[in-house]
PDB file of N, CA and C in Angstrom:
ATOM      1  N   MET A   1     107.883 109.070  57.405  1.00  0.00           N
ATOM      2  CA  MET A   1     107.878 108.061  58.431  1.00  0.00           C
ATOM      3  C   MET A   1     107.423 108.688  59.749  1.00  0.00           C
ATOM      4  N   ALA A   2     106.513 108.022  60.435  1.00  0.00           N
ATOM      5  CA  ALA A   2     105.979 108.544  61.687  1.00  0.00           C
ATOM      6  C   ALA A   2     107.010 108.427  62.803  1.00  0.00           C
ATOM      7  N   LYS A   3     107.052 109.429  63.622  1.00  0.00           N
ATOM      8  CA  LYS A   3     107.973 109.448  64.750  1.00  0.00           C
ATOM      9  C   LYS A   3     107.411 108.561  65.859  1.00  0.00           C
ATOM     10  N   LYS A   4     108.262 107.689  66.383  1.00  0.00           N
ATOM     11  CA  LYS A   4     107.819 106.820  67.470  1.00  0.00           C
ATOM     12  C   LYS A   4     107.861 107.580  68.783  1.00  0.00           C
ATOM     13  N   GLY A   5     106.798 107.441  69.544  1.00  0.00           N
ATOM     14  CA  GLY A   5     106.734 108.103  70.837  1.00  0.00           C
ATOM     15  C   GLY A   5     107.076 107.142  71.948  1.00  0.00           C
ATOM     16  N   ARG A   6     106.885 107.610  73.125  1.00  0.00           N
ATOM     17  CA  ARG A   6     107.127 106.806  74.320  1.00  0.00           C
ATOM     18  C   ARG A   6     106.097 105.687  74.396  1.00  0.00           C
ATOM     19  N   LYS A   7     106.530 104.545  74.886  1.00  0.00           N
ATOM     20  CA  LYS A   7     105.633 103.412  75.103  1.00  0.00           C
ATOM     21  C   LYS A   7     104.578 103.804  76.144  1.00  0.00           C
ATOM     22  N   ALA A   8     103.379 103.293  75.974  1.00  0.00           N
ATOM     23  CA  ALA A   8     102.337 103.546  76.970  1.00  0.00           C
ATOM     24  C   ALA A   8     102.784 102.963  78.311  1.00  0.00           C
ATOM     25  N   LEU A   9     102.454 103.648  79.399  1.00  0.00           N
ATOM     26  CA  LEU A   9     102.842 103.211  80.735  1.00  0.00           C
ATOM     27  C   LEU A   9     102.343 101.798  81.022  1.00  0.00           C
ATOM     28  N   TRP A  10     101.161 101.473  80.530  1.00  0.00           N
ATOM     29  CA  TRP A  10     100.581 100.123  80.678  1.00  0.00           C
ATOM     30  C   TRP A  10     101.567  99.077  80.163  1.00  0.00           C
ATOM     31  N   ASP A  11     102.141  99.350  78.986  1.00  0.00           N
ATOM     32  CA  ASP A  11     103.102  98.428  78.382  1.00  0.00           C
ATOM     33  C   ASP A  11     104.479  98.546  79.029  1.00  0.00           C
ATOM     34  N   GLU A  12     104.861  99.754  79.339  1.00  0.00           N
ATOM     35  CA  GLU A  12     106.169  99.996  79.954  1.00  0.00           C
ATOM     36  C   GLU A  12     106.300  99.245  81.278  1.00  0.00           C
ATOM     37  N   LEU A  13     105.227  99.230  82.062  1.00  0.00           N
ATOM     38  CA  LEU A  13     105.225  98.533  83.355  1.00  0.00           C
ATOM     39  C   LEU A  13     104.825  97.070  83.231  1.00  0.00           C
ATOM     40  N   ASN A  14     104.519  96.640  82.000  1.00  0.00           N
ATOM     41  CA  ASN A  14     104.146  95.255  81.720  1.00  0.00           C
ATOM     42  C   ASN A  14     102.982  94.783  82.611  1.00  0.00           C
ATOM     43  N   ILE A  15     101.962  95.591  82.675  1.00  0.00           N
ATOM     44  CA  ILE A  15     100.819  95.313  83.543  1.00  0.00           C
ATOM     45  C   ILE A  15     100.102  94.000  83.190  1.00  0.00           C
ATOM     46  N   PRO A  16      99.952  93.634  81.907  1.00  0.00           N
ATOM     47  CA  PRO A  16      99.292  92.353  81.633  1.00  0.00           C
ATOM     48  C   PRO A  16      99.941  91.167  82.351  1.00  0.00           C
ATOM     49  N   ASP A  17     101.258  91.187  82.510  1.00  0.00           N
ATOM     50  CA  ASP A  17     101.947  90.108  83.216  1.00  0.00           C
ATOM     51  C   ASP A  17     101.886  90.261  84.732  1.00  0.00           C
ATOM     52  N   ARG A  18     101.358  91.374  85.196  1.00  0.00           N
ATOM     53  CA  ARG A  18     101.296  91.634  86.641  1.00  0.00           C
ATOM     54  C   ARG A  18      99.867  91.545  87.188  1.00  0.00           C
ATOM     55  N   LEU A  19      98.925  91.115  86.346  1.00  0.00           N
ATOM     56  CA  LEU A  19      97.523  91.082  86.782  1.00  0.00           C
ATOM     57  C   LEU A  19      97.287  90.083  87.920  1.00  0.00           C
ATOM     58  N   GLU A  20      98.019  88.976  87.933  1.00  0.00           N
ATOM     59  CA  GLU A  20      97.872  88.025  89.047  1.00  0.00           C
ATOM     60  C   GLU A  20      98.350  88.659  90.348  1.00  0.00           C
ATOM     61  N   ALA A  21      99.401  89.455  90.271  1.00  0.00           N
ATOM     62  CA  ALA A  21      99.882  90.161  91.460  1.00  0.00           C
ATOM     63  C   ALA A  21      98.834  91.166  91.937  1.00  0.00           C
ATOM     64  N   VAL A  22      98.234  91.880  90.995  1.00  0.00           N
ATOM     65  CA  VAL A  22      97.184  92.853  91.335  1.00  0.00           C
ATOM     66  C   VAL A  22      96.019  92.132  92.015  1.00  0.00           C
ATOM     67  N   LYS A  23      95.623  90.999  91.457  1.00  0.00           N
ATOM     68  CA  LYS A  23      94.543  90.209  92.064  1.00  0.00           C
ATOM     69  C   LYS A  23      94.938  89.776  93.478  1.00  0.00           C
ATOM     70  N   GLY A  24      96.177  89.332  93.639  1.00  0.00           N
ATOM     71  CA  GLY A  24      96.660  88.907  94.952  1.00  0.00           C
ATOM     72  C   GLY A  24      96.666  90.038  95.961  1.00  0.00           C
ATOM     73  N   TRP A  25      97.057  91.230  95.518  1.00  0.00           N
ATOM     74  CA  TRP A  25      97.040  92.389  96.418  1.00  0.00           C
ATOM     75  C   TRP A  25      95.623  92.692  96.874  1.00  0.00           C
ATOM     76  N   ALA A  26      94.684  92.613  95.927  1.00  0.00           N
ATOM     77  CA  ALA A  26      93.276  92.857  96.273  1.00  0.00           C
ATOM     78  C   ALA A  26      92.778  91.786  97.237  1.00  0.00           C
ATOM     79  N   LEU A  27      93.186  90.546  97.002  1.00  0.00           N
ATOM     80  CA  LEU A  27      92.798  89.433  97.869  1.00  0.00           C
ATOM     81  C   LEU A  27      93.322  89.633  99.287  1.00  0.00           C
ATOM     82  N   GLU A  28      94.518  90.202  99.390  1.00  0.00           N
ATOM     83  CA  GLU A  28      95.119  90.458 100.705  1.00  0.00           C
ATOM     84  C   GLU A  28      94.549  91.695 101.385  1.00  0.00           C
ATOM     85  N   GLY A  29      93.653  92.400 100.695  1.00  0.00           N
ATOM     86  CA  GLY A  29      93.007  93.550 101.303  1.00  0.00           C
ATOM     87  C   GLY A  29      93.667  94.886 101.019  1.00  0.00           C
ATOM     88  N   SER A  30      94.574  94.916 100.051  1.00  0.00           N
ATOM     89  CA  SER A  30      95.227  96.182  99.716  1.00  0.00           C
ATOM     90  C   SER A  30      94.209  97.185  99.182  1.00  0.00           C
ATOM     91  N   THR A  31      94.378  98.429  99.571  1.00  0.00           N
ATOM     92  CA  THR A  31      93.508  99.495  99.082  1.00  0.00           C
ATOM     93  C   THR A  31      93.987  99.949  97.707  1.00  0.00           C
ATOM     94  N   ASP A  32      93.154 100.724  97.037  1.00  0.00           N
ATOM     95  CA  ASP A  32      93.557 101.286  95.746  1.00  0.00           C
ATOM     96  C   ASP A  32      94.839 102.096  95.900  1.00  0.00           C
ATOM     97  N   VAL A  33      94.928 102.886  96.955  1.00  0.00           N
ATOM     98  CA  VAL A  33      96.112 103.725  97.178  1.00  0.00           C
ATOM     99  C   VAL A  33      97.355 102.849  97.345  1.00  0.00           C
ATOM    100  N   GLU A  34      97.243 101.772  98.092  1.00  0.00           N
ATOM    101  CA  GLU A  34      98.382 100.867  98.275  1.00  0.00           C
ATOM    102  C   GLU A  34      98.787 100.231  96.948  1.00  0.00           C
ATOM    103  N   MET A  35      97.804  99.844  96.142  1.00  0.00           N
ATOM    104  CA  MET A  35      98.114  99.245  94.843  1.00  0.00           C
ATOM    105  C   MET A  35      98.759 100.266  93.909  1.00  0.00           C
ATOM    106  N   MET A  36      98.297 101.511  93.971  1.00  0.00           N
ATOM    107  CA  MET A  36      98.923 102.573  93.168  1.00  0.00           C
ATOM    108  C   MET A  36     100.400 102.684  93.516  1.00  0.00           C
ATOM    109  N   GLU A  37     100.697 102.654  94.804  1.00  0.00           N
ATOM    110  CA  GLU A  37     102.084 102.761  95.257  1.00  0.00           C
ATOM    111  C   GLU A  37     102.908 101.557  94.802  1.00  0.00           C
ATOM    112  N   MET A  38     102.331 100.354  94.910  1.00  0.00           N
ATOM    113  CA  MET A  38     103.056  99.151  94.508  1.00  0.00           C
ATOM    114  C   MET A  38     103.335  99.140  93.007  1.00  0.00           C
ATOM    115  N   LEU A  39     102.398  99.670  92.232  1.00  0.00           N
ATOM    116  CA  LEU A  39     102.586  99.735  90.781  1.00  0.00           C
ATOM    117  C   LEU A  39     103.417 100.950  90.363  1.00  0.00           C
ATOM    118  N   GLY A  40     103.504 101.935  91.223  1.00  0.00           N
ATOM    119  CA  GLY A  40     104.250 103.144  90.915  1.00  0.00           C
ATOM    120  C   GLY A  40     103.527 104.048  89.932  1.00  0.00           C
ATOM    121  N   VAL A  41     102.187 104.108  90.078  1.00  0.00           N
ATOM    122  CA  VAL A  41     101.402 104.970  89.187  1.00  0.00           C
ATOM    123  C   VAL A  41     100.596 105.973  90.004  1.00  0.00           C
ATOM    124  N   LYS A  42     100.196 107.020  89.332  1.00  0.00           N
ATOM    125  CA  LYS A  42      99.396 108.062  89.974  1.00  0.00           C
ATOM    126  C   LYS A  42      97.916 107.681  89.964  1.00  0.00           C
ATOM    127  N   LYS A  43      97.171 108.364  90.801  1.00  0.00           N
ATOM    128  CA  LYS A  43      95.737 108.127  90.977  1.00  0.00           C
ATOM    129  C   LYS A  43      94.983 108.170  89.645  1.00  0.00           C
ATOM    130  N   ASP A  44      95.221 109.200  88.850  1.00  0.00           N
ATOM    131  CA  ASP A  44      94.511 109.343  87.573  1.00  0.00           C
ATOM    132  C   ASP A  44      94.758 108.149  86.656  1.00  0.00           C
ATOM    133  N   THR A  45      96.011 107.703  86.600  1.00  0.00           N
ATOM    134  CA  THR A  45      96.366 106.560  85.754  1.00  0.00           C
ATOM    135  C   THR A  45      95.673 105.307  86.246  1.00  0.00           C
ATOM    136  N   PHE A  46      95.721 105.060  87.543  1.00  0.00           N
ATOM    137  CA  PHE A  46      95.116 103.871  88.139  1.00  0.00           C
ATOM    138  C   PHE A  46      93.624 103.811  87.815  1.00  0.00           C
ATOM    139  N   TYR A  47      92.919 104.908  88.042  1.00  0.00           N
ATOM    140  CA  TYR A  47      91.478 104.910  87.806  1.00  0.00           C
ATOM    141  C   TYR A  47      91.133 104.884  86.315  1.00  0.00           C
ATOM    142  N   GLN A  48      92.012 105.427  85.487  1.00  0.00           N
ATOM    143  CA  GLN A  48      91.802 105.336  84.044  1.00  0.00           C
ATOM    144  C   GLN A  48      91.933 103.886  83.593  1.00  0.00           C
ATOM    145  N   TRP A  49      92.897 103.166  84.134  1.00  0.00           N
ATOM    146  CA  TRP A  49      93.046 101.752  83.812  1.00  0.00           C
ATOM    147  C   TRP A  49      91.833 100.954  84.293  1.00  0.00           C
ATOM    148  N   LYS A  50      91.347 101.268  85.493  1.00  0.00           N
ATOM    149  CA  LYS A  50      90.154 100.562  85.987  1.00  0.00           C
ATOM    150  C   LYS A  50      88.972 100.776  85.041  1.00  0.00           C
ATOM    151  N   LYS A  51      88.906 101.962  84.456  1.00  0.00           N
ATOM    152  CA  LYS A  51      87.808 102.306  83.550  1.00  0.00           C
ATOM    153  C   LYS A  51      88.007 101.699  82.158  1.00  0.00           C
ATOM    154  N   ASP A  52      89.227 101.778  81.633  1.00  0.00           N
ATOM    155  CA  ASP A  52      89.491 101.419  80.238  1.00  0.00           C
ATOM    156  C   ASP A  52      90.020 100.013  80.015  1.00  0.00           C
ATOM    157  N   LYS A  53      90.538  99.386  81.040  1.00  0.00           N
ATOM    158  CA  LYS A  53      91.158  98.062  80.897  1.00  0.00           C
ATOM    159  C   LYS A  53      90.365  97.046  81.709  1.00  0.00           C
ATOM    160  N   PRO A  54      89.414  96.353  81.067  1.00  0.00           N
ATOM    161  CA  PRO A  54      88.575  95.406  81.813  1.00  0.00           C
ATOM    162  C   PRO A  54      89.376  94.323  82.529  1.00  0.00           C
ATOM    163  N   GLU A  55      90.499  93.908  81.959  1.00  0.00           N
ATOM    164  CA  GLU A  55      91.303  92.878  82.602  1.00  0.00           C
ATOM    165  C   GLU A  55      91.903  93.380  83.920  1.00  0.00           C
ATOM    166  N   PHE A  56      92.166  94.666  84.002  1.00  0.00           N
ATOM    167  CA  PHE A  56      92.702  95.268  85.218  1.00  0.00           C
ATOM    168  C   PHE A  56      91.612  95.353  86.289  1.00  0.00           C
ATOM    169  N   SER A  57      90.471  95.904  85.916  1.00  0.00           N
ATOM    170  CA  SER A  57      89.388  96.028  86.899  1.00  0.00           C
ATOM    171  C   SER A  57      88.882  94.647  87.329  1.00  0.00           C
ATOM    172  N   ASP A  58      88.882  93.673  86.403  1.00  0.00           N
ATOM    173  CA  ASP A  58      88.450  92.312  86.751  1.00  0.00           C
ATOM    174  C   ASP A  58      89.404  91.666  87.758  1.00  0.00           C
ATOM    175  N   ALA A  59      90.698  91.885  87.600  1.00  0.00           N
ATOM    176  CA  ALA A  59      91.668  91.323  88.542  1.00  0.00           C
ATOM    177  C   ALA A  59      91.409  91.861  89.952  1.00  0.00           C
ATOM    178  N   ILE A  60      91.142  93.148  90.043  1.00  0.00           N
ATOM    179  CA  ILE A  60      90.861  93.757  91.351  1.00  0.00           C
ATOM    180  C   ILE A  60      89.546  93.219  91.909  1.00  0.00           C
ATOM    181  N   LYS A  61      88.513  93.180  91.065  1.00  0.00           N
ATOM    182  CA  LYS A  61      87.204  92.694  91.520  1.00  0.00           C
ATOM    183  C   LYS A  61      87.271  91.248  91.979  1.00  0.00           C
ATOM    184  N   LYS A  62      87.960  90.393  91.228  1.00  0.00           N
ATOM    185  CA  LYS A  62      88.062  88.973  91.591  1.00  0.00           C
ATOM    186  C   LYS A  62      88.802  88.797  92.903  1.00  0.00           C
ATOM    187  N   GLY A  63      89.888  89.539  93.084  1.00  0.00           N
ATOM    188  CA  GLY A  63      90.625  89.459  94.344  1.00  0.00           C
ATOM    189  C   GLY A  63      89.784  89.890  95.522  1.00  0.00           C
ATOM    190  N   ARG A  64      89.064  90.974  95.358  1.00  0.00           N
ATOM    191  CA  ARG A  64      88.220  91.474  96.459  1.00  0.00           C
ATOM    192  C   ARG A  64      87.041  90.545  96.717  1.00  0.00           C
ATOM    193  N   PHE A  65      86.493  89.949  95.656  1.00  0.00           N
ATOM    194  CA  PHE A  65      85.370  89.020  95.808  1.00  0.00           C
ATOM    195  C   PHE A  65      85.810  87.798  96.612  1.00  0.00           C
ATOM    196  N   GLU A  66      86.973  87.241  96.264  1.00  0.00           N
ATOM    197  CA  GLU A  66      87.489  86.082  96.998  1.00  0.00           C
ATOM    198  C   GLU A  66      87.779  86.451  98.449  1.00  0.00           C
ATOM    199  N   SER A  67      88.352  87.618  98.658  1.00  0.00           N
ATOM    200  CA  SER A  67      88.666  88.069 100.009  1.00  0.00           C
ATOM    201  C   SER A  67      87.395  88.220 100.837  1.00  0.00           C
ATOM    202  N   ASN A  68      86.389  88.837 100.253  1.00  0.00           N
ATOM    203  CA  ASN A  68      85.117  89.021 100.966  1.00  0.00           C
ATOM    204  C   ASN A  68      84.480  87.678 101.292  1.00  0.00           C
ATOM    205  N   GLY A  69      84.597  86.722 100.386  1.00  0.00           N
ATOM    206  CA  GLY A  69      84.052  85.383 100.635  1.00  0.00           C
ATOM    207  C   GLY A  69      84.742  84.712 101.806  1.00  0.00           C
ATOM    208  N   GLU A  70      86.053  84.860 101.884  1.00  0.00           N
ATOM    209  CA  GLU A  70      86.796  84.277 102.999  1.00  0.00           C
ATOM    210  C   GLU A  70      86.405  84.931 104.318  1.00  0.00           C
ATOM    211  N   ILE A  71      86.214  86.229 104.304  1.00  0.00           N
ATOM    212  CA  ILE A  71      85.819  86.953 105.520  1.00  0.00           C
ATOM    213  C   ILE A  71      84.433  86.508 105.966  1.00  0.00           C
ATOM    214  N   LEU A  72      83.505  86.412 105.016  1.00  0.00           N
ATOM    215  CA  LEU A  72      82.149  85.979 105.361  1.00  0.00           C
ATOM    216  C   LEU A  72      82.146  84.550 105.892  1.00  0.00           C
ATOM    217  N   ASN A  73      82.938  83.684 105.286  1.00  0.00           N
ATOM    218  CA  ASN A  73      83.019  82.295 105.738  1.00  0.00           C
ATOM    219  C   ASN A  73      83.578  82.230 107.154  1.00  0.00           C
ATOM    220  N   SER A  74      84.591  83.010 107.420  1.00  0.00           N
ATOM    221  CA  SER A  74      85.188  83.047 108.748  1.00  0.00           C
ATOM    222  C   SER A  74      84.201  83.578 109.784  1.00  0.00           C
ATOM    223  N   ALA A  75      83.489  84.640 109.431  1.00  0.00           N
ATOM    224  CA  ALA A  75      82.491  85.213 110.343  1.00  0.00           C
ATOM    225  C   ALA A  75      81.379  84.206 110.619  1.00  0.00           C
ATOM    226  N   PHE A  76      80.955  83.485 109.587  1.00  0.00           N
ATOM    227  CA  PHE A  76      79.906  82.471 109.766  1.00  0.00           C
ATOM    228  C   PHE A  76      80.379  81.391 110.734  1.00  0.00           C
ATOM    229  N   LYS A  77      81.600  80.938 110.541  1.00  0.00           N
ATOM    230  CA  LYS A  77      82.126  79.895 111.417  1.00  0.00           C
ATOM    231  C   LYS A  77      82.200  80.383 112.865  1.00  0.00           C
ATOM    232  N   GLN A  78      82.600  81.613 113.069  1.00  0.00           N
ATOM    233  CA  GLN A  78      82.686  82.155 114.423  1.00  0.00           C
ATOM    234  C   GLN A  78      81.313  82.245 115.072  1.00  0.00           C
ATOM    235  N   THR A  79      80.328  82.668 114.319  1.00  0.00           N
ATOM    236  CA  THR A  79      78.997  82.848 114.902  1.00  0.00           C
ATOM    237  C   THR A  79      78.273  81.525 115.130  1.00  0.00           C
ATOM    238  N   THR A  80      78.689  80.469 114.441  1.00  0.00           N
ATOM    239  CA  THR A  80      78.029  79.185 114.620  1.00  0.00           C
ATOM    240  C   THR A  80      78.817  78.244 115.535  1.00  0.00           C
ATOM    241  N   GLY A  81      79.888  78.759 116.133  1.00  0.00           N
ATOM    242  CA  GLY A  81      80.630  77.975 117.116  1.00  0.00           C
ATOM    243  C   GLY A  81      81.639  77.009 116.536  1.00  0.00           C
ATOM    244  N   TYR A  82      82.063  77.213 115.327  1.00  0.00           N
ATOM    245  CA  TYR A  82      83.062  76.347 114.697  1.00  0.00           C
ATOM    246  C   TYR A  82      84.402  76.542 115.382  1.00  0.00           C
ATOM    247  N   PHE A  83      85.096  75.431 115.664  1.00  0.00           N
ATOM    248  CA  PHE A  83      86.430  75.547 116.225  1.00  0.00           C
ATOM    249  C   PHE A  83      87.279  74.392 115.716  1.00  0.00           C
ATOM    250  N   VAL A  84      88.572  74.558 115.841  1.00  0.00           N
ATOM    251  CA  VAL A  84      89.533  73.546 115.387  1.00  0.00           C
ATOM    252  C   VAL A  84      90.417  73.189 116.562  1.00  0.00           C
ATOM    253  N   GLU A  85      90.611  71.865 116.777  1.00  0.00           N
ATOM    254  CA  GLU A  85      91.517  71.424 117.815  1.00  0.00           C
ATOM    255  C   GLU A  85      92.908  71.345 117.239  1.00  0.00           C
ATOM    256  N   VAL A  86      93.871  71.892 117.960  1.00  0.00           N
ATOM    257  CA  VAL A  86      95.257  71.849 117.542  1.00  0.00           C
ATOM    258  C   VAL A  86      95.984  70.893 118.470  1.00  0.00           C
ATOM    259  N   GLU A  87      96.645  69.922 117.895  1.00  0.00           N
ATOM    260  CA  GLU A  87      97.350  68.921 118.719  1.00  0.00           C
ATOM    261  C   GLU A  87      98.736  69.363 119.051  1.00  0.00           C
TER     262      GLU A  87
END
């Protein structure tokens, strides 16, 4: 009978259920280092996941893409004189 080893950190930290949080952190502008700290993983692990786990790298990319879109939209509005009246 094969000896069972330690669960992979990916599974131990339940990362598949945390991908929306990862996307949200990226959307809020969190850096890779900040996300590493929030997940409690080391640099090598984080970058290995980005390389080997497409769902992980996609969550980060989607969050950053949405964030960049919001920034560009805001910059466009500022340069074209868009304003909002507050009552």
